[in-house]
Amino acid sequence: MSIYLHFRAVAESEIRDDHTWLAAFMSEAWENDEAEYAAGIAHSINKGWSAVNDFYAAADALCTDADEPWTLPIYGGRPVSHNTAANPSHPPLMLLGPSGVSQAACFLATVSFDDLWSVVDARFTALGRTRQEHLEHHRGLQEFYGRAASAGHAVVKAVWA
């Protein structure tokens, strides 16, 4: 069984703050994931997004910033609540506004991958997590958030199982 964290950049003015609408929007985006990924407006991580968040949490040990921008790329944003009309089978959704996207992009552009890896190396290696895997996730998120921030977009996140 695969489970994904799906990211979709979108102009904030195009978003409705409604779970049912956002679930339909993200479902359509997921159907077009390959084209949207190629266009640089979508990104996804299969199963391991919690490990990617743990990797970025190493920034806390490096004392990079009191605002903890490391929390933004994966779990940052606010949950979009189900309303009474929402289908309970719809995926959990998060919305990270343009200022949060810019902060995430800045963090990803300035944090040293090697410094983070030096903090987590022994622990992650013992768990079977590879440096290359995390480097690929990091580069993908850098590119995605960099483009989204440059465009002034928000990012919607959905979990698909």
Protein backbone atom coordinates (compact mmCIF):
# COMPACT_ATOMS: atom_id res chain seq x y z
CA MET A 1 0.00 0.00 0.00
CA SER A 2 1.39 3.38 -0.97
CA ILE A 3 0.71 6.55 0.92
CA TYR A 4 1.80 9.97 -0.30
CA LEU A 5 2.08 13.49 0.95
CA HIS A 6 1.10 15.58 -2.07
CA PHE A 7 2.05 19.26 -2.36
CA ARG A 8 0.37 21.62 -4.84
CA ALA A 9 1.36 25.25 -5.37
CA VAL A 10 -1.50 27.56 -6.25
CA ALA A 11 -2.28 31.28 -6.23
CA GLU A 12 -3.94 32.11 -2.93
CA SER A 13 -6.71 33.98 -4.78
CA GLU A 14 -7.69 30.70 -6.50
CA ILE A 15 -8.22 28.81 -3.23
CA ARG A 16 -11.50 28.41 -1.44
CA ASP A 17 -11.17 27.85 2.27
CA ASP A 18 -13.55 24.92 2.10
CA HIS A 19 -12.51 21.32 2.71
CA THR A 20 -14.88 19.84 0.11
CA TRP A 21 -13.68 22.26 -2.60
CA LEU A 22 -10.00 21.79 -1.71
CA ALA A 23 -10.37 17.99 -1.64
CA ALA A 24 -11.84 18.09 -5.17
CA PHE A 25 -9.07 20.48 -6.29
CA MET A 26 -6.36 18.23 -4.86
CA SER A 27 -7.99 15.11 -6.29
CA GLU A 28 -7.89 16.65 -9.76
CA ALA A 29 -4.29 17.75 -9.17
CA TRP A 30 -3.40 14.19 -8.12
CA GLU A 31 -4.97 12.85 -11.33
CA ASN A 32 -2.66 15.21 -13.28
CA ASP A 33 0.37 14.74 -11.02
CA GLU A 34 2.89 13.91 -13.75
CA ALA A 35 2.08 17.01 -15.82
CA GLU A 36 1.91 19.23 -12.74
CA TYR A 37 5.19 17.82 -11.41
CA ALA A 38 6.83 18.56 -14.78
CA ALA A 39 5.40 22.10 -14.64
CA GLY A 40 6.95 22.58 -11.18
CA ILE A 41 3.64 23.18 -9.39
CA ALA A 42 3.36 19.80 -7.67
CA HIS A 43 5.55 17.56 -5.58
CA SER A 44 4.99 14.39 -3.56
CA ILE A 45 6.81 12.16 -1.13
CA ASN A 46 5.96 8.47 -0.85
CA LYS A 47 5.69 7.17 2.74
CA GLY A 48 8.86 8.81 4.10
CA TRP A 49 7.73 12.38 4.69
CA SER A 50 7.90 11.97 8.45
CA ALA A 51 11.57 11.01 8.12
CA VAL A 52 12.13 14.10 5.96
CA ASN A 53 10.54 16.20 8.71
CA ASP A 54 12.82 14.50 11.26
CA PHE A 55 15.78 15.33 9.03
CA TYR A 56 14.81 19.02 9.00
CA ALA A 57 14.26 18.93 12.77
CA ALA A 58 18.04 18.56 13.04
CA ALA A 59 18.11 22.30 12.26
CA ASP A 60 16.80 22.83 15.78
CA ALA A 61 20.03 21.32 17.12
CA LEU A 62 22.01 23.66 14.90
CA CYS A 63 20.20 26.68 16.44
CA THR A 64 19.41 28.11 13.01
CA ASP A 65 16.38 30.25 13.86
CA ALA A 66 14.13 30.86 16.85
CA ASP A 67 11.06 30.79 14.56
CA GLU A 68 11.72 27.14 13.66
CA PRO A 69 11.28 27.45 9.88
CA TRP A 70 12.32 23.80 9.61
CA THR A 71 8.74 22.88 10.58
CA LEU A 72 7.27 24.49 7.43
CA PRO A 73 8.27 22.29 4.45
CA ILE A 74 6.47 19.12 5.59
CA TYR A 75 3.94 19.85 8.36
CA GLY A 76 3.74 23.64 8.09
CA GLY A 77 0.43 25.33 7.52
CA ARG A 78 -2.94 25.08 9.06
CA PRO A 79 -5.35 22.18 8.86
CA VAL A 80 -8.38 22.76 6.66
CA SER A 81 -11.33 21.64 8.75
CA HIS A 82 -14.03 19.35 7.48
CA ASN A 83 -17.35 21.15 7.49
CA THR A 84 -20.61 19.36 8.19
CA ALA A 85 -21.16 18.73 4.46
CA ALA A 86 -17.65 17.34 3.86
CA ASN A 87 -17.14 13.71 2.97
CA PRO A 88 -15.24 12.14 5.90
CA SER A 89 -13.31 9.94 3.44
CA HIS A 90 -11.62 13.01 1.93
CA PRO A 91 -7.91 13.30 2.69
CA PRO A 92 -6.47 15.39 5.51
CA LEU A 93 -5.54 18.81 4.09
CA MET A 94 -3.14 21.56 5.13
CA LEU A 95 -2.78 25.05 3.72
CA LEU A 96 0.50 26.99 3.91
CA GLY A 97 0.05 30.64 2.90
CA PRO A 98 2.47 32.57 0.69
CA SER A 99 4.46 34.01 3.62
CA GLY A 100 4.97 30.50 5.04
CA VAL A 101 5.95 29.25 1.59
CA SER A 102 8.55 32.02 1.36
CA GLN A 103 9.90 31.15 4.81
CA ALA A 104 10.08 27.45 3.87
CA ALA A 105 11.86 28.29 0.61
CA CYS A 106 14.35 30.51 2.42
CA PHE A 107 15.04 27.80 4.99
CA LEU A 108 15.54 25.15 2.29
CA ALA A 109 17.80 27.44 0.26
CA THR A 110 20.03 28.40 3.17
CA VAL A 111 20.23 25.32 5.39
CA SER A 112 23.28 23.16 4.85
CA PHE A 113 22.31 19.63 3.88
CA ASP A 114 25.72 18.38 5.04
CA ASP A 115 25.32 20.05 8.45
CA LEU A 116 21.88 18.49 8.91
CA TRP A 117 23.15 15.09 7.81
CA SER A 118 26.04 15.29 10.29
CA VAL A 119 23.48 15.64 13.10
CA VAL A 120 21.31 12.69 11.98
CA ASP A 121 23.80 10.41 10.19
CA ALA A 122 24.34 7.68 12.80
CA ARG A 123 20.69 7.55 13.88
CA PHE A 124 19.29 7.60 10.33
CA THR A 125 21.82 5.08 9.00
CA ALA A 126 20.89 2.71 11.84
CA LEU A 127 17.25 3.01 10.73
CA GLY A 128 18.15 2.24 7.11
CA ARG A 129 17.64 5.78 5.84
CA THR A 130 20.15 6.80 3.21
CA ARG A 131 21.92 10.06 2.64
CA GLN A 132 21.11 9.93 -1.09
CA GLU A 133 17.39 9.47 -0.46
CA HIS A 134 17.29 12.51 1.81
CA LEU A 135 19.42 14.56 -0.55
CA GLU A 136 16.93 13.84 -3.36
CA HIS A 137 13.99 14.83 -1.15
CA HIS A 138 15.81 17.98 -0.09
CA ARG A 139 16.64 19.03 -3.65
CA GLY A 140 13.10 18.32 -4.81
CA LEU A 141 11.61 20.37 -2.00
CA GLN A 142 14.12 23.20 -2.59
CA GLU A 143 13.05 23.42 -6.24
CA PHE A 144 9.33 23.12 -5.51
CA TYR A 145 9.23 25.67 -2.69
CA GLY A 146 11.62 27.99 -4.54
CA ARG A 147 9.28 28.13 -7.55
CA ALA A 148 6.18 28.50 -5.39
CA ALA A 149 7.74 31.33 -3.37
CA SER A 150 8.94 33.12 -6.53
CA ALA A 151 5.39 33.01 -7.87
CA GLY A 152 3.91 34.19 -4.55
CA HIS A 153 1.87 30.99 -4.27
CA ALA A 154 0.37 29.15 -1.34
CA VAL A 155 0.87 25.39 -0.96
CA VAL A 156 -1.94 22.92 -0.32
CA LYS A 157 -0.93 19.55 1.15
CA ALA A 158 -2.97 16.35 1.04
CA VAL A 159 -2.33 12.81 2.26
CA TRP A 160 -3.35 10.11 -0.22
CA ALA A 161 -3.58 6.45 0.68
